[in-house]
């Protein structure tokens, strides 16, 4: 099993984003397109989906964290779960 580091996507012109909600916890088996978290900038909010199926092995952020820099780490998960 290898760890895949997931990045916060670009949601527009912003200097930072807030993590509104983390929708997974350690050990969760997730599917492709499942929502991992909800983030918000001063211009937009969005649910961030997983691009792979797997198991959540590490979470580096918490809900309520403010000012994440663009493209900063948000979670890690391994392959080998349900789905592809």
C-alpha atoms as a PDB file:
ATOM      1  CA  UNK A   1       0.000   0.000   0.000  1.00  0.00           C
ATOM      2  CA  UNK A   2       1.324   3.425  -0.835  1.00  0.00           C
ATOM      3  CA  UNK A   3       0.276   6.773   0.600  1.00  0.00           C
ATOM      4  CA  UNK A   4      -1.209   9.327  -1.773  1.00  0.00           C
ATOM      5  CA  UNK A   5      -0.956  12.933  -0.635  1.00  0.00           C
ATOM      6  CA  UNK A   6      -4.046  14.959  -1.475  1.00  0.00           C
ATOM      7  CA  UNK A   7      -3.731  18.686  -2.184  1.00  0.00           C
ATOM      8  CA  UNK A   8      -6.178  21.523  -1.657  1.00  0.00           C
ATOM      9  CA  UNK A   9      -7.435  22.458  -5.130  1.00  0.00           C
ATOM     10  CA  UNK A  10      -7.298  25.950  -6.600  1.00  0.00           C
ATOM     11  CA  UNK A  11     -10.683  27.599  -5.920  1.00  0.00           C
ATOM     12  CA  UNK A  12      -9.861  30.985  -7.370  1.00  0.00           C
ATOM     13  CA  UNK A  13      -7.843  34.051  -6.543  1.00  0.00           C
ATOM     14  CA  UNK A  14      -7.330  33.971  -2.784  1.00  0.00           C
ATOM     15  CA  UNK A  15      -4.585  34.310  -0.210  1.00  0.00           C
ATOM     16  CA  UNK A  16      -5.937  31.586   2.070  1.00  0.00           C
ATOM     17  CA  UNK A  17      -8.882  29.310   2.683  1.00  0.00           C
ATOM     18  CA  UNK A  18     -10.739  28.073   5.742  1.00  0.00           C
ATOM     19  CA  UNK A  19     -11.542  24.422   6.407  1.00  0.00           C
ATOM     20  CA  UNK A  20     -15.227  24.444   7.282  1.00  0.00           C
ATOM     21  CA  UNK A  21     -15.748  20.704   7.739  1.00  0.00           C
ATOM     22  CA  UNK A  22     -13.691  17.496   7.549  1.00  0.00           C
ATOM     23  CA  UNK A  23     -15.980  14.699   6.342  1.00  0.00           C
ATOM     24  CA  UNK A  24     -13.690  11.697   6.967  1.00  0.00           C
ATOM     25  CA  UNK A  25     -11.841  10.207   9.917  1.00  0.00           C
ATOM     26  CA  UNK A  26      -8.865   7.893  10.297  1.00  0.00           C
ATOM     27  CA  UNK A  27      -9.603   4.393   9.083  1.00  0.00           C
ATOM     28  CA  UNK A  28     -12.553   5.371   6.894  1.00  0.00           C
ATOM     29  CA  UNK A  29     -12.800   3.454   3.633  1.00  0.00           C
ATOM     30  CA  UNK A  30     -13.634   6.057   1.004  1.00  0.00           C
ATOM     31  CA  UNK A  31     -14.809   5.836  -2.552  1.00  0.00           C
ATOM     32  CA  UNK A  32     -13.861   7.887  -5.573  1.00  0.00           C
ATOM     33  CA  UNK A  33     -15.783  11.211  -5.616  1.00  0.00           C
ATOM     34  CA  UNK A  34     -16.665  10.967  -1.899  1.00  0.00           C
ATOM     35  CA  UNK A  35     -16.457  14.356  -0.162  1.00  0.00           C
ATOM     36  CA  UNK A  36     -13.324  14.659   1.981  1.00  0.00           C
ATOM     37  CA  UNK A  37     -13.848  18.199   3.266  1.00  0.00           C
ATOM     38  CA  UNK A  38     -15.522  21.537   2.707  1.00  0.00           C
ATOM     39  CA  UNK A  39     -13.324  24.604   2.222  1.00  0.00           C
ATOM     40  CA  UNK A  40     -14.166  28.269   1.853  1.00  0.00           C
ATOM     41  CA  UNK A  41     -12.406  31.435   0.700  1.00  0.00           C
ATOM     42  CA  UNK A  42     -13.768  34.969   0.728  1.00  0.00           C
ATOM     43  CA  UNK A  43     -15.097  34.319  -2.806  1.00  0.00           C
ATOM     44  CA  UNK A  44     -16.206  30.680  -2.922  1.00  0.00           C
ATOM     45  CA  UNK A  45     -16.865  27.521  -0.959  1.00  0.00           C
ATOM     46  CA  UNK A  46     -16.695  23.979  -2.229  1.00  0.00           C
ATOM     47  CA  UNK A  47     -16.783  20.349  -1.235  1.00  0.00           C
ATOM     48  CA  UNK A  48     -13.493  18.655  -2.044  1.00  0.00           C
ATOM     49  CA  UNK A  49     -13.999  15.140  -3.454  1.00  0.00           C
ATOM     50  CA  UNK A  50     -11.547  12.263  -3.402  1.00  0.00           C
ATOM     51  CA  UNK A  51     -10.057  11.389  -6.755  1.00  0.00           C
ATOM     52  CA  UNK A  52      -9.262   7.828  -5.611  1.00  0.00           C
ATOM     53  CA  UNK A  53     -10.794   5.063  -3.523  1.00  0.00           C
ATOM     54  CA  UNK A  54      -8.852   3.875  -0.484  1.00  0.00           C
ATOM     55  CA  UNK A  55      -8.476   4.072   3.289  1.00  0.00           C
ATOM     56  CA  UNK A  56      -7.783   7.285   5.219  1.00  0.00           C
ATOM     57  CA  UNK A  57      -4.389   6.777   6.891  1.00  0.00           C
ATOM     58  CA  UNK A  58      -3.539  10.314   8.026  1.00  0.00           C
ATOM     59  CA  UNK A  59      -5.324  13.657   8.297  1.00  0.00           C
ATOM     60  CA  UNK A  60      -3.174  16.762   8.557  1.00  0.00           C
ATOM     61  CA  UNK A  61      -5.857  19.430   9.049  1.00  0.00           C
ATOM     62  CA  UNK A  62      -8.833  20.188  11.315  1.00  0.00           C
ATOM     63  CA  UNK A  63     -12.157  21.898  10.776  1.00  0.00           C
ATOM     64  CA  UNK A  64     -11.929  25.536  11.775  1.00  0.00           C
ATOM     65  CA  UNK A  65      -8.346  25.921  10.615  1.00  0.00           C
ATOM     66  CA  UNK A  66      -8.005  29.250   8.899  1.00  0.00           C
ATOM     67  CA  UNK A  67      -5.666  30.627   6.268  1.00  0.00           C
ATOM     68  CA  UNK A  68      -4.410  27.471   4.559  1.00  0.00           C
ATOM     69  CA  UNK A  69      -2.016  28.411   1.785  1.00  0.00           C
ATOM     70  CA  UNK A  70      -2.903  27.471  -1.778  1.00  0.00           C
ATOM     71  CA  UNK A  71      -2.082  23.811  -2.616  1.00  0.00           C
ATOM     72  CA  UNK A  72      -1.255  22.868   0.980  1.00  0.00           C
ATOM     73  CA  UNK A  73      -1.685  19.274   2.200  1.00  0.00           C
ATOM     74  CA  UNK A  74      -5.143  18.295   3.368  1.00  0.00           C
ATOM     75  CA  UNK A  75      -5.193  14.507   3.896  1.00  0.00           C
ATOM     76  CA  UNK A  76      -3.475  11.297   2.978  1.00  0.00           C
ATOM     77  CA  UNK A  77      -4.953   7.980   2.041  1.00  0.00           C
ATOM     78  CA  UNK A  78      -3.747   4.689   0.684  1.00  0.00           C
ATOM     79  CA  UNK A  79      -4.953   2.702  -2.304  1.00  0.00           C
ATOM     80  CA  UNK A  80      -6.518  -0.688  -2.071  1.00  0.00           C
ATOM     81  CA  UNK A  81      -9.990   0.221  -0.843  1.00  0.00           C
ATOM     82  CA  UNK A  82     -13.251  -0.367  -2.633  1.00  0.00           C
ATOM     83  CA  UNK A  83     -13.721   1.081  -6.095  1.00  0.00           C
ATOM     84  CA  UNK A  84     -11.049   1.121  -8.775  1.00  0.00           C
END
